[in-house]
N, C-alpha and C. Protein backbone atom coordinates (compact mmCIF):
# COMPACT_ATOMS: atom_id res chain seq x y z
N MET A 1 0.79 -1.20 0.06
CA MET A 1 -0.01 0.07 0.00
C MET A 1 0.70 1.23 -0.03
N ILE A 2 0.46 2.29 -0.74
CA ILE A 2 1.22 3.58 -0.92
C ILE A 2 0.62 4.25 0.41
N ALA A 3 1.42 4.81 1.25
CA ALA A 3 1.16 5.63 2.38
C ALA A 3 1.63 7.26 2.25
N ASN A 4 2.56 7.41 1.28
CA ASN A 4 3.07 8.78 1.24
C ASN A 4 3.55 9.04 -0.28
N ILE A 5 3.34 10.21 -0.80
CA ILE A 5 3.94 10.43 -2.15
C ILE A 5 4.60 11.73 -1.96
N LYS A 6 5.99 11.83 -2.62
CA LYS A 6 6.79 12.93 -2.59
C LYS A 6 7.25 13.12 -3.91
N GLY A 7 7.03 14.07 -4.68
CA GLY A 7 7.51 14.29 -6.10
C GLY A 7 7.21 15.64 -6.52
N ILE A 8 7.01 15.94 -7.99
CA ILE A 8 6.89 17.15 -8.50
C ILE A 8 5.44 17.13 -9.00
N LEU A 9 4.60 18.21 -8.65
CA LEU A 9 3.53 18.37 -9.13
C LEU A 9 3.29 18.77 -10.64
N ILE A 10 2.71 18.01 -11.49
CA ILE A 10 2.82 18.20 -12.88
C ILE A 10 1.43 18.53 -13.56
N GLN A 11 0.34 18.41 -12.74
CA GLN A 11 -1.04 18.63 -13.00
C GLN A 11 -1.96 18.64 -11.92
N LYS A 12 -2.76 19.73 -11.91
CA LYS A 12 -3.86 19.76 -10.84
C LYS A 12 -5.10 20.39 -11.29
N SER A 13 -6.21 19.81 -10.57
CA SER A 13 -7.57 20.21 -10.99
C SER A 13 -8.12 20.41 -9.47
N VAL A 14 -9.48 20.81 -9.45
CA VAL A 14 -10.05 20.93 -8.01
C VAL A 14 -10.38 19.80 -7.44
N ASN A 15 -10.22 18.49 -8.08
CA ASN A 15 -10.66 17.41 -7.29
C ASN A 15 -9.44 16.15 -7.50
N SER A 16 -8.70 16.50 -8.39
CA SER A 16 -7.53 15.59 -8.60
C SER A 16 -5.98 16.12 -8.85
N ILE A 17 -4.99 15.42 -8.91
CA ILE A 17 -3.59 15.93 -9.26
C ILE A 17 -2.80 14.91 -9.79
N VAL A 18 -1.85 15.27 -10.43
CA VAL A 18 -0.68 14.27 -10.80
C VAL A 18 0.52 14.50 -10.28
N ILE A 19 1.18 13.68 -9.70
CA ILE A 19 2.50 14.05 -9.06
C ILE A 19 3.65 12.91 -9.83
N ASP A 20 4.64 13.54 -10.34
CA ASP A 20 5.51 12.90 -11.05
C ASP A 20 6.64 12.47 -9.91
N VAL A 21 6.95 11.23 -9.95
CA VAL A 21 7.89 10.64 -8.97
C VAL A 21 8.79 9.89 -9.75
N GLN A 22 9.99 10.43 -10.04
CA GLN A 22 10.84 9.72 -11.02
C GLN A 22 10.48 9.32 -12.17
N GLY A 23 9.64 9.96 -12.83
CA GLY A 23 9.31 9.66 -14.35
C GLY A 23 7.81 8.84 -14.27
N ILE A 24 7.36 8.59 -13.24
CA ILE A 24 6.16 7.88 -13.11
C ILE A 24 5.03 8.94 -12.45
N GLY A 25 3.96 9.14 -13.25
CA GLY A 25 3.00 10.13 -12.94
C GLY A 25 1.93 9.32 -11.95
N TYR A 26 1.49 9.79 -10.81
CA TYR A 26 0.71 9.25 -9.83
C TYR A 26 -0.59 10.16 -9.96
N HIS A 27 -1.77 9.56 -10.25
CA HIS A 27 -2.94 10.30 -10.34
C HIS A 27 -3.65 10.26 -8.91
N VAL A 28 -3.78 11.31 -8.30
CA VAL A 28 -4.39 11.39 -6.79
C VAL A 28 -5.59 12.21 -6.73
N PHE A 29 -6.60 11.70 -6.12
CA PHE A 29 -7.85 12.53 -5.70
C PHE A 29 -7.51 13.28 -4.56
N VAL A 30 -8.05 14.45 -4.39
CA VAL A 30 -7.80 15.36 -3.25
C VAL A 30 -9.01 16.36 -3.10
N PRO A 31 -9.29 16.42 -1.53
CA PRO A 31 -10.32 17.43 -1.13
C PRO A 31 -9.89 18.77 -1.44
N LEU A 32 -10.81 19.72 -1.60
CA LEU A 32 -10.53 21.12 -1.73
C LEU A 32 -9.64 21.72 -0.57
N SER A 33 -9.70 21.14 0.65
CA SER A 33 -8.92 21.63 1.56
C SER A 33 -7.49 21.38 1.51
N THR A 34 -7.08 20.30 0.69
CA THR A 34 -5.68 19.98 0.22
C THR A 34 -5.42 20.54 -1.06
N PHE A 35 -6.28 20.82 -1.94
CA PHE A 35 -6.01 21.62 -3.10
C PHE A 35 -5.60 22.91 -2.89
N TYR A 36 -6.37 23.62 -1.98
CA TYR A 36 -5.96 25.06 -1.54
C TYR A 36 -4.61 25.34 -1.10
N GLU A 37 -3.94 24.20 -0.63
CA GLU A 37 -2.62 24.25 -0.18
C GLU A 37 -1.46 23.75 -0.94
N LEU A 38 -1.94 23.38 -2.18
CA LEU A 38 -0.78 22.94 -3.17
C LEU A 38 -0.14 23.97 -3.74
N PRO A 39 1.12 23.55 -3.98
CA PRO A 39 2.04 24.62 -4.64
C PRO A 39 1.69 24.86 -6.04
N ASP A 40 2.67 25.44 -6.83
CA ASP A 40 2.37 25.62 -8.20
C ASP A 40 2.80 24.54 -9.03
N ILE A 41 2.41 24.37 -10.23
CA ILE A 41 2.75 23.22 -10.99
C ILE A 41 4.26 23.45 -11.10
N GLY A 42 5.04 22.29 -11.07
CA GLY A 42 6.53 22.34 -11.39
C GLY A 42 7.21 22.36 -9.92
N LEU A 43 6.46 22.55 -8.95
CA LEU A 43 7.17 22.48 -7.59
C LEU A 43 7.12 21.09 -6.72
N PRO A 44 8.07 20.84 -5.86
CA PRO A 44 7.73 19.62 -4.99
C PRO A 44 6.50 19.65 -4.37
N VAL A 45 5.86 18.62 -4.11
CA VAL A 45 4.63 18.36 -3.36
C VAL A 45 4.98 16.84 -2.23
N SER A 46 4.42 17.01 -1.22
CA SER A 46 4.23 15.66 -0.48
C SER A 46 2.82 15.50 0.11
N LEU A 47 2.33 14.46 -0.07
CA LEU A 47 0.91 14.18 0.42
C LEU A 47 0.93 12.79 1.27
N LYS A 48 0.06 12.83 2.16
CA LYS A 48 -0.38 11.52 3.00
C LYS A 48 -1.21 10.85 2.07
N ILE A 49 -1.15 9.49 1.74
CA ILE A 49 -2.12 8.71 0.73
C ILE A 49 -2.88 7.57 1.40
N TYR A 50 -4.02 7.67 1.07
CA TYR A 50 -4.90 6.30 1.23
C TYR A 50 -5.10 5.78 0.09
N THR A 51 -4.70 4.46 0.01
CA THR A 51 -4.69 3.53 -1.30
C THR A 51 -6.18 2.57 -1.22
N HIS A 52 -7.10 3.15 -2.09
CA HIS A 52 -8.19 2.10 -2.14
C HIS A 52 -8.20 1.24 -3.13
N VAL A 53 -8.25 0.09 -2.89
CA VAL A 53 -8.22 -1.12 -3.87
C VAL A 53 -9.55 -1.63 -4.16
N LYS A 54 -9.98 -1.74 -5.30
CA LYS A 54 -11.11 -2.25 -5.81
C LYS A 54 -10.80 -3.40 -6.92
N GLU A 55 -12.00 -4.28 -7.18
CA GLU A 55 -11.68 -5.17 -8.23
C GLU A 55 -10.97 -4.87 -9.38
N ASP A 56 -11.53 -3.61 -9.92
CA ASP A 56 -11.10 -3.41 -11.23
C ASP A 56 -10.15 -2.07 -11.26
N ALA A 57 -9.65 -1.39 -10.15
CA ALA A 57 -9.05 -0.42 -9.87
C ALA A 57 -8.41 -0.21 -8.76
N ILE A 58 -7.21 0.59 -8.85
CA ILE A 58 -6.61 1.09 -7.51
C ILE A 58 -6.66 2.68 -7.58
N HIS A 59 -7.27 3.07 -6.62
CA HIS A 59 -7.39 4.82 -6.41
C HIS A 59 -6.58 5.30 -5.39
N LEU A 60 -5.91 6.33 -5.51
CA LEU A 60 -5.06 7.06 -4.43
C LEU A 60 -5.94 8.23 -3.96
N PHE A 61 -5.88 8.49 -2.78
CA PHE A 61 -6.57 9.66 -2.10
C PHE A 61 -5.37 10.48 -1.40
N GLY A 62 -5.18 11.90 -1.63
CA GLY A 62 -4.16 12.45 -0.98
C GLY A 62 -4.48 13.42 0.05
N PHE A 63 -3.79 13.65 1.00
CA PHE A 63 -4.11 14.74 2.15
C PHE A 63 -2.88 15.59 2.63
N ARG A 64 -3.18 16.50 2.92
CA ARG A 64 -1.98 17.56 3.41
C ARG A 64 -1.64 17.17 4.63
N THR A 65 -2.36 16.69 5.56
CA THR A 65 -2.26 16.44 6.96
C THR A 65 -2.42 14.97 7.33
N SER A 66 -1.86 14.48 8.25
CA SER A 66 -2.27 13.44 8.83
C SER A 66 -3.60 13.16 9.44
N GLU A 67 -3.96 14.11 10.17
CA GLU A 67 -5.38 14.56 10.75
C GLU A 67 -6.27 14.39 9.61
N GLU A 68 -6.31 15.01 8.54
CA GLU A 68 -7.23 14.73 7.42
C GLU A 68 -7.27 13.42 6.91
N LYS A 69 -6.16 12.46 6.74
CA LYS A 69 -6.22 11.31 6.42
C LYS A 69 -7.00 10.50 7.43
N ASP A 70 -6.65 10.63 8.86
CA ASP A 70 -7.19 9.88 9.92
C ASP A 70 -9.00 10.21 9.88
N VAL A 71 -9.33 11.15 9.68
CA VAL A 71 -10.67 11.55 9.67
C VAL A 71 -11.40 10.94 8.33
N PHE A 72 -10.75 10.85 7.29
CA PHE A 72 -11.23 10.33 6.09
C PHE A 72 -11.19 8.87 6.06
N GLN A 73 -10.34 8.18 6.80
CA GLN A 73 -10.47 6.64 7.21
C GLN A 73 -11.29 6.39 7.98
N LEU A 74 -11.81 7.20 9.04
CA LEU A 74 -12.92 6.95 9.95
C LEU A 74 -14.14 7.16 9.20
N MET A 75 -14.30 8.01 8.23
CA MET A 75 -15.64 8.42 7.42
C MET A 75 -15.83 7.20 6.63
N ILE A 76 -14.89 6.59 6.08
CA ILE A 76 -15.28 5.57 5.05
C ILE A 76 -15.51 4.22 5.72
N SER A 77 -15.31 4.20 7.13
CA SER A 77 -15.90 3.10 7.94
C SER A 77 -17.33 2.99 8.21
N VAL A 78 -17.94 4.30 7.86
CA VAL A 78 -19.35 4.27 8.10
C VAL A 78 -20.22 3.56 6.72
N ALA A 79 -21.01 3.03 7.05
CA ALA A 79 -22.00 2.51 5.97
C ALA A 79 -22.65 3.47 5.07
N GLY A 80 -22.35 3.42 3.77
CA GLY A 80 -22.83 4.42 2.97
C GLY A 80 -21.90 5.69 2.54
N ILE A 81 -20.72 5.59 3.33
CA ILE A 81 -19.77 6.59 2.75
C ILE A 81 -18.69 5.92 2.34
N GLY A 82 -18.15 6.34 0.82
CA GLY A 82 -17.29 5.64 0.26
C GLY A 82 -16.14 6.79 0.31
N PRO A 83 -15.02 6.52 -0.49
CA PRO A 83 -13.87 7.32 -0.47
C PRO A 83 -14.30 8.80 -1.25
N ARG A 84 -15.04 8.51 -2.40
CA ARG A 84 -15.44 9.75 -3.20
C ARG A 84 -16.21 10.71 -2.29
N LEU A 85 -17.40 10.07 -1.78
CA LEU A 85 -18.12 11.03 -0.93
C LEU A 85 -17.23 11.48 0.46
N ALA A 86 -16.36 10.69 0.92
CA ALA A 86 -15.66 11.21 2.18
C ALA A 86 -14.75 12.41 1.64
N THR A 87 -14.19 12.35 0.47
CA THR A 87 -13.45 13.42 -0.13
C THR A 87 -14.36 14.77 -0.27
N ASN A 88 -15.48 14.55 -0.82
CA ASN A 88 -16.42 15.47 -0.86
C ASN A 88 -16.81 16.12 0.21
N ILE A 89 -17.03 15.35 1.11
CA ILE A 89 -17.43 15.94 2.41
C ILE A 89 -16.24 16.87 3.09
N LEU A 90 -15.03 16.31 3.11
CA LEU A 90 -13.77 17.14 3.45
C LEU A 90 -13.53 18.36 2.63
N SER A 91 -14.31 18.37 1.30
CA SER A 91 -14.13 19.68 0.47
C SER A 91 -15.05 20.87 1.00
N GLY A 92 -16.12 20.36 1.87
CA GLY A 92 -17.01 21.37 2.43
C GLY A 92 -16.87 21.65 3.97
N ILE A 93 -16.03 20.99 4.36
CA ILE A 93 -15.79 21.29 5.87
C ILE A 93 -14.35 20.65 6.25
N SER A 94 -13.48 21.49 7.02
CA SER A 94 -12.12 20.91 7.50
C SER A 94 -12.44 19.61 8.45
N ALA A 95 -11.26 18.92 8.51
CA ALA A 95 -11.45 17.71 9.49
C ALA A 95 -11.44 18.14 10.71
N PRO A 96 -11.01 19.17 11.38
CA PRO A 96 -11.25 19.41 12.88
C PRO A 96 -12.66 20.02 12.94
N GLU A 97 -13.28 20.79 11.95
CA GLU A 97 -14.50 21.27 12.10
C GLU A 97 -15.62 20.14 12.03
N LEU A 98 -15.38 19.16 11.12
CA LEU A 98 -16.13 17.84 11.13
C LEU A 98 -16.24 17.05 12.48
N ALA A 99 -14.90 16.90 13.00
CA ALA A 99 -14.64 16.24 14.25
C ALA A 99 -15.40 16.92 15.30
N ARG A 100 -15.38 18.23 15.31
CA ARG A 100 -16.25 19.09 16.28
C ARG A 100 -17.63 18.91 16.16
N ALA A 101 -18.19 18.91 15.05
CA ALA A 101 -19.63 18.83 14.74
C ALA A 101 -19.90 17.24 15.29
N VAL A 102 -19.29 16.39 14.83
CA VAL A 102 -19.65 15.01 15.18
C VAL A 102 -19.73 14.81 16.77
N CYS A 103 -18.62 15.23 17.31
CA CYS A 103 -18.51 15.00 18.80
C CYS A 103 -19.51 15.85 19.63
N ALA A 104 -19.83 16.86 19.03
CA ALA A 104 -20.89 17.79 19.76
C ALA A 104 -22.27 17.37 19.50
N GLU A 105 -22.30 16.39 18.37
CA GLU A 105 -23.67 15.99 18.09
C GLU A 105 -24.47 17.19 17.35
N ASP A 106 -23.86 17.95 16.63
CA ASP A 106 -24.31 19.06 15.80
C ASP A 106 -24.89 19.00 14.43
N LEU A 107 -26.13 18.32 14.72
CA LEU A 107 -26.99 17.72 13.43
C LEU A 107 -27.07 19.01 12.39
N LYS A 108 -27.43 20.29 12.94
CA LYS A 108 -27.44 21.38 12.07
C LYS A 108 -26.13 21.53 11.33
N LYS A 109 -25.18 21.43 11.82
CA LYS A 109 -23.88 21.69 10.97
C LYS A 109 -23.55 20.53 9.99
N LEU A 110 -23.96 19.36 10.37
CA LEU A 110 -23.55 18.10 9.67
C LEU A 110 -24.55 18.17 8.35
N VAL A 111 -25.74 18.50 8.63
CA VAL A 111 -26.67 18.24 7.35
C VAL A 111 -26.42 19.54 6.53
N SER A 112 -25.63 20.55 6.92
CA SER A 112 -25.24 21.69 6.08
C SER A 112 -24.22 21.30 5.00
N ILE A 113 -23.44 20.27 5.18
CA ILE A 113 -22.34 19.65 4.42
C ILE A 113 -22.98 18.93 3.29
N PRO A 114 -22.57 19.42 2.12
CA PRO A 114 -23.09 18.75 0.80
C PRO A 114 -22.84 17.29 0.75
N GLY A 115 -23.94 16.42 0.55
CA GLY A 115 -23.95 15.08 0.52
C GLY A 115 -24.15 14.45 1.71
N ILE A 116 -24.56 15.10 2.80
CA ILE A 116 -24.92 14.65 4.14
C ILE A 116 -26.34 14.97 4.29
N GLY A 117 -27.12 13.90 4.55
CA GLY A 117 -28.44 14.25 4.99
C GLY A 117 -28.85 13.91 6.59
N LYS A 118 -29.94 14.05 6.89
CA LYS A 118 -30.16 13.74 8.27
C LYS A 118 -29.84 12.21 8.79
N LYS A 119 -30.13 11.22 8.10
CA LYS A 119 -29.96 9.86 8.30
C LYS A 119 -28.41 9.53 8.41
N MET A 120 -27.67 10.25 7.26
CA MET A 120 -26.17 10.06 7.45
C MET A 120 -25.56 10.69 8.53
N ALA A 121 -26.07 11.89 8.89
CA ALA A 121 -25.66 12.57 10.11
C ALA A 121 -25.53 11.89 11.25
N ASP A 122 -26.89 11.45 11.48
CA ASP A 122 -27.22 10.52 12.73
C ASP A 122 -26.32 9.28 12.74
N ARG A 123 -26.04 8.61 11.65
CA ARG A 123 -25.11 7.43 11.55
C ARG A 123 -23.66 7.80 11.89
N MET A 124 -23.31 9.04 11.35
CA MET A 124 -21.91 9.40 11.51
C MET A 124 -21.75 9.70 12.93
N ILE A 125 -22.85 10.43 13.61
CA ILE A 125 -22.58 10.64 15.16
C ILE A 125 -22.66 9.31 15.87
N PHE A 126 -23.33 8.44 15.52
CA PHE A 126 -23.53 7.23 16.38
C PHE A 126 -22.22 6.35 16.13
N GLU A 127 -21.58 6.42 15.04
CA GLU A 127 -20.61 5.50 14.74
C GLU A 127 -19.06 6.17 15.04
N LEU A 128 -19.13 7.49 14.88
CA LEU A 128 -17.69 8.00 14.96
C LEU A 128 -17.53 8.94 15.99
N LYS A 129 -18.52 9.42 16.94
CA LYS A 129 -18.43 10.23 18.07
C LYS A 129 -17.30 9.72 18.86
N ASP A 130 -17.46 8.43 19.38
CA ASP A 130 -16.48 7.85 20.59
C ASP A 130 -14.95 7.65 19.85
N LYS A 131 -15.03 7.44 18.57
CA LYS A 131 -13.80 7.12 17.87
C LYS A 131 -12.94 8.44 17.76
N LEU A 132 -13.43 9.48 17.48
CA LEU A 132 -13.17 10.87 17.17
C LEU A 132 -12.58 11.30 18.67
N LEU A 133 -13.51 11.08 19.65
CA LEU A 133 -13.01 11.72 21.13
C LEU A 133 -11.76 10.76 21.38
N LYS A 134 -11.69 9.60 21.23
CA LYS A 134 -10.41 8.81 21.44
C LYS A 134 -9.23 9.44 20.94
N ILE A 135 -9.24 9.88 19.48
CA ILE A 135 -8.20 10.46 18.90
C ILE A 135 -7.90 11.77 19.73
N LEU A 136 -8.88 12.32 20.05
CA LEU A 136 -8.76 13.82 20.79
C LEU A 136 -7.86 13.54 22.21
N LEU A 137 -8.26 12.34 22.88
CA LEU A 137 -7.82 12.01 24.05
C LEU A 137 -6.28 11.59 23.88
N VAL A 138 -5.94 11.05 22.89
CA VAL A 138 -4.61 10.30 22.55
C VAL A 138 -3.79 11.58 22.20
N GLU A 139 -4.21 12.65 21.62
CA GLU A 139 -3.57 13.71 21.09
C GLU A 139 -3.26 14.46 22.37
N ALA A 140 -4.12 14.63 23.32
CA ALA A 140 -3.98 15.29 24.67
C ALA A 140 -3.02 14.82 25.61
N GLU A 141 -2.86 13.38 25.60
CA GLU A 141 -2.09 12.61 26.60
C GLU A 141 -0.63 13.34 26.77
N PRO A 142 0.28 13.50 25.73
CA PRO A 142 1.44 13.88 26.05
C PRO A 142 1.72 15.26 26.81
N LEU A 143 0.72 16.07 27.00
CA LEU A 143 0.79 17.22 27.83
C LEU A 143 0.49 16.90 29.16
N SER A 144 0.01 15.63 29.54
CA SER A 144 -0.12 15.34 30.98
C SER A 144 1.04 15.25 31.82
N GLY A 145 1.26 15.79 32.88
CA GLY A 145 2.41 15.53 33.57
C GLY A 145 2.24 14.75 34.83
N ALA A 146 3.08 13.73 35.02
CA ALA A 146 3.02 12.83 36.13
C ALA A 146 2.85 13.52 37.43
N GLY A 147 3.44 14.70 37.66
CA GLY A 147 3.36 15.13 39.01
C GLY A 147 2.16 16.11 39.24
N GLU A 148 1.39 16.31 38.27
CA GLU A 148 0.22 17.22 38.30
C GLU A 148 -0.94 16.70 39.28
N ASP A 149 -1.66 17.51 39.82
CA ASP A 149 -2.78 17.10 40.27
C ASP A 149 -3.89 16.59 39.24
N SER A 150 -4.45 15.46 39.73
CA SER A 150 -5.26 14.79 38.93
C SER A 150 -6.36 15.44 38.21
N SER A 151 -7.22 16.36 38.90
CA SER A 151 -8.15 17.23 38.41
C SER A 151 -7.50 18.27 37.46
N GLU A 152 -6.45 18.73 37.82
CA GLU A 152 -5.91 19.63 37.02
C GLU A 152 -5.38 19.30 35.63
N ARG A 153 -5.13 18.00 35.72
CA ARG A 153 -4.52 17.31 34.41
C ARG A 153 -5.50 16.92 33.42
N VAL A 154 -6.67 16.65 34.11
CA VAL A 154 -7.81 16.33 33.16
C VAL A 154 -8.35 17.73 32.64
N LYS A 155 -8.33 18.90 33.34
CA LYS A 155 -8.53 20.23 32.79
C LYS A 155 -7.71 20.56 31.61
N GLU A 156 -6.33 20.52 32.01
CA GLU A 156 -5.26 20.68 30.89
C GLU A 156 -5.58 19.77 29.55
N ASP A 157 -5.81 18.61 29.75
CA ASP A 157 -5.67 17.63 28.67
C ASP A 157 -7.30 18.06 27.93
N ALA A 158 -8.35 18.38 28.64
CA ALA A 158 -9.42 18.70 27.88
C ALA A 158 -9.29 20.13 27.06
N LEU A 159 -8.67 20.84 27.68
CA LEU A 159 -8.24 22.21 26.92
C LEU A 159 -7.42 22.09 25.67
N SER A 160 -6.39 21.14 25.84
CA SER A 160 -5.64 20.75 24.85
C SER A 160 -6.33 20.16 23.63
N ALA A 161 -7.32 19.20 23.96
CA ALA A 161 -8.11 18.64 22.89
C ALA A 161 -9.04 19.44 22.09
N LEU A 162 -9.52 20.59 22.87
CA LEU A 162 -10.52 21.51 22.50
C LEU A 162 -9.73 22.58 21.40
N VAL A 163 -8.52 22.88 21.91
CA VAL A 163 -7.69 23.72 20.95
C VAL A 163 -7.22 23.08 19.78
N ASN A 164 -6.88 21.73 19.87
CA ASN A 164 -6.53 20.95 18.48
C ASN A 164 -7.78 21.04 17.68
N LEU A 165 -8.87 21.11 18.07
CA LEU A 165 -10.18 20.97 17.42
C LEU A 165 -10.45 22.52 16.82
N GLY A 166 -9.56 23.52 17.03
CA GLY A 166 -9.70 24.79 16.42
C GLY A 166 -10.31 25.97 17.49
N TYR A 167 -10.70 25.56 18.60
CA TYR A 167 -11.34 26.64 19.40
C TYR A 167 -10.25 27.32 20.05
N LYS A 168 -10.71 28.79 20.26
CA LYS A 168 -9.69 29.75 20.81
C LYS A 168 -9.34 29.26 22.26
N ASN A 169 -8.17 29.40 22.72
CA ASN A 169 -7.78 29.14 24.14
C ASN A 169 -8.63 29.66 25.07
N SER A 170 -8.92 30.86 24.97
CA SER A 170 -9.74 31.61 26.09
C SER A 170 -11.17 31.03 25.98
N VAL A 171 -11.84 30.74 24.85
CA VAL A 171 -12.89 30.28 24.75
C VAL A 171 -13.14 28.99 25.46
N ALA A 172 -12.07 28.11 25.03
CA ALA A 172 -12.22 26.66 25.62
C ALA A 172 -11.92 26.70 27.04
N LYS A 173 -11.19 27.38 27.40
CA LYS A 173 -10.74 27.64 28.97
C LYS A 173 -12.11 28.02 29.67
N ASP A 174 -12.91 28.95 29.07
CA ASP A 174 -14.08 29.22 29.73
C ASP A 174 -15.06 28.22 29.97
N VAL A 175 -15.11 27.48 28.93
CA VAL A 175 -16.30 26.33 28.79
C VAL A 175 -15.86 25.22 29.85
N VAL A 176 -14.55 24.81 29.71
CA VAL A 176 -14.06 23.68 30.56
C VAL A 176 -14.22 24.19 32.07
N GLU A 177 -13.80 25.40 32.43
CA GLU A 177 -13.99 25.54 33.89
C GLU A 177 -15.57 25.92 34.10
N LYS A 178 -16.46 25.99 33.21
CA LYS A 178 -17.91 26.10 33.48
C LYS A 178 -18.41 24.71 33.76
N VAL A 179 -18.00 23.65 32.82
CA VAL A 179 -18.34 22.37 32.96
C VAL A 179 -17.78 21.74 34.42
N ILE A 180 -16.58 22.05 34.68
CA ILE A 180 -16.00 21.55 35.95
C ILE A 180 -16.75 22.09 37.15
N GLU A 181 -17.24 23.36 36.96
CA GLU A 181 -17.94 23.96 38.31
C GLU A 181 -19.30 23.45 38.25
N GLU A 182 -19.88 23.16 36.96
CA GLU A 182 -21.30 22.41 37.22
C GLU A 182 -21.29 20.91 37.65
N SER A 183 -20.15 20.32 37.38
CA SER A 183 -20.09 19.00 37.94
C SER A 183 -19.42 18.83 39.29
N ASP A 184 -19.30 20.03 39.88
CA ASP A 184 -18.57 20.03 41.34
C ASP A 184 -17.32 19.71 41.28
N GLY A 185 -16.45 19.76 40.22
CA GLY A 185 -15.17 19.63 40.00
C GLY A 185 -14.69 18.13 39.85
N ASP A 186 -15.61 17.23 39.81
CA ASP A 186 -15.24 15.77 39.74
C ASP A 186 -15.76 15.27 38.40
N VAL A 187 -14.94 15.26 37.36
CA VAL A 187 -15.47 14.68 36.17
C VAL A 187 -14.47 14.11 35.43
N ALA A 188 -14.65 12.97 34.62
CA ALA A 188 -13.71 12.22 33.87
C ALA A 188 -13.44 13.10 32.63
N LEU A 189 -12.20 12.94 32.00
CA LEU A 189 -11.95 13.43 30.74
C LEU A 189 -12.71 13.36 29.57
N GLU A 190 -13.25 12.16 29.34
CA GLU A 190 -14.12 12.03 28.27
C GLU A 190 -15.64 12.58 28.42
N SER A 191 -15.95 12.47 29.66
CA SER A 191 -17.25 13.27 29.88
C SER A 191 -17.17 14.73 29.91
N LEU A 192 -15.97 15.36 30.41
CA LEU A 192 -15.75 16.69 30.32
C LEU A 192 -15.72 17.21 28.79
N LEU A 193 -15.07 16.37 28.01
CA LEU A 193 -15.04 16.91 26.64
C LEU A 193 -16.53 16.86 25.79
N LYS A 194 -17.26 15.82 26.22
CA LYS A 194 -18.56 15.69 25.67
C LYS A 194 -19.41 16.92 26.05
N LYS A 195 -19.47 17.09 27.26
CA LYS A 195 -20.06 18.20 27.81
C LYS A 195 -19.81 19.53 27.22
N ALA A 196 -18.38 19.76 27.11
CA ALA A 196 -17.80 21.03 26.65
C ALA A 196 -18.18 21.33 25.03
N LEU A 197 -18.02 20.23 24.28
CA LEU A 197 -18.44 20.23 22.97
C LEU A 197 -19.76 20.55 22.91
N LYS A 198 -20.59 19.92 23.68
CA LYS A 198 -22.20 20.36 23.33
C LYS A 198 -22.36 21.74 23.72
N MET A 199 -21.82 22.25 24.85
CA MET A 199 -21.98 23.64 25.19
C MET A 199 -21.32 24.51 23.98
N LEU A 200 -20.51 24.08 23.46
CA LEU A 200 -19.80 25.13 22.53
C LEU A 200 -20.59 25.07 21.15
N ALA A 201 -21.44 24.18 20.97
CA ALA A 201 -22.14 23.85 19.75
C ALA A 201 -23.44 24.67 19.96
N LYS A 202 -23.76 25.18 21.07
CA LYS A 202 -24.96 25.95 21.18
C LYS A 202 -25.08 27.35 20.57
């Protein structure tokens, strides 16, 4: 399986590009979020790749960041979402915004994305919310200090996860503190994140 391609960009359009790697041109489908970040034709480019193998074809899907690729792979695990639809969805919303909407169960935001109806949005929330939360928790873990107070560590980890999703530090801090206050200070990290995201989605 091809996991990464680095070469010279020789052709690009809004939904696919061609990268030359030592004389071999690789045709790669990309979401608009990646397309906007591409260099000019003739310049070096490097993309994270998901290789989709079918009986009659092998398709490559490229992403600027590992986060985009991770969210893409989670999306195609949902029944009814194939690689093309997942790429189109990421063209209508960034990976952090999508993760934010799913974790906060923001149906209004999800159904506003081209290609997603209410049934699909419900399915995405049901199947992806916990998986996306786990990714956030893993990303937050390195900031935890062994010597810190447990409640303070949970607070810092939640704040880190929310900032990773694109929320401003000041906004995230206010919401985290509000959730902790309403929970009398005793709340698990996963529960804290769920409550904070629901509050931020209002």
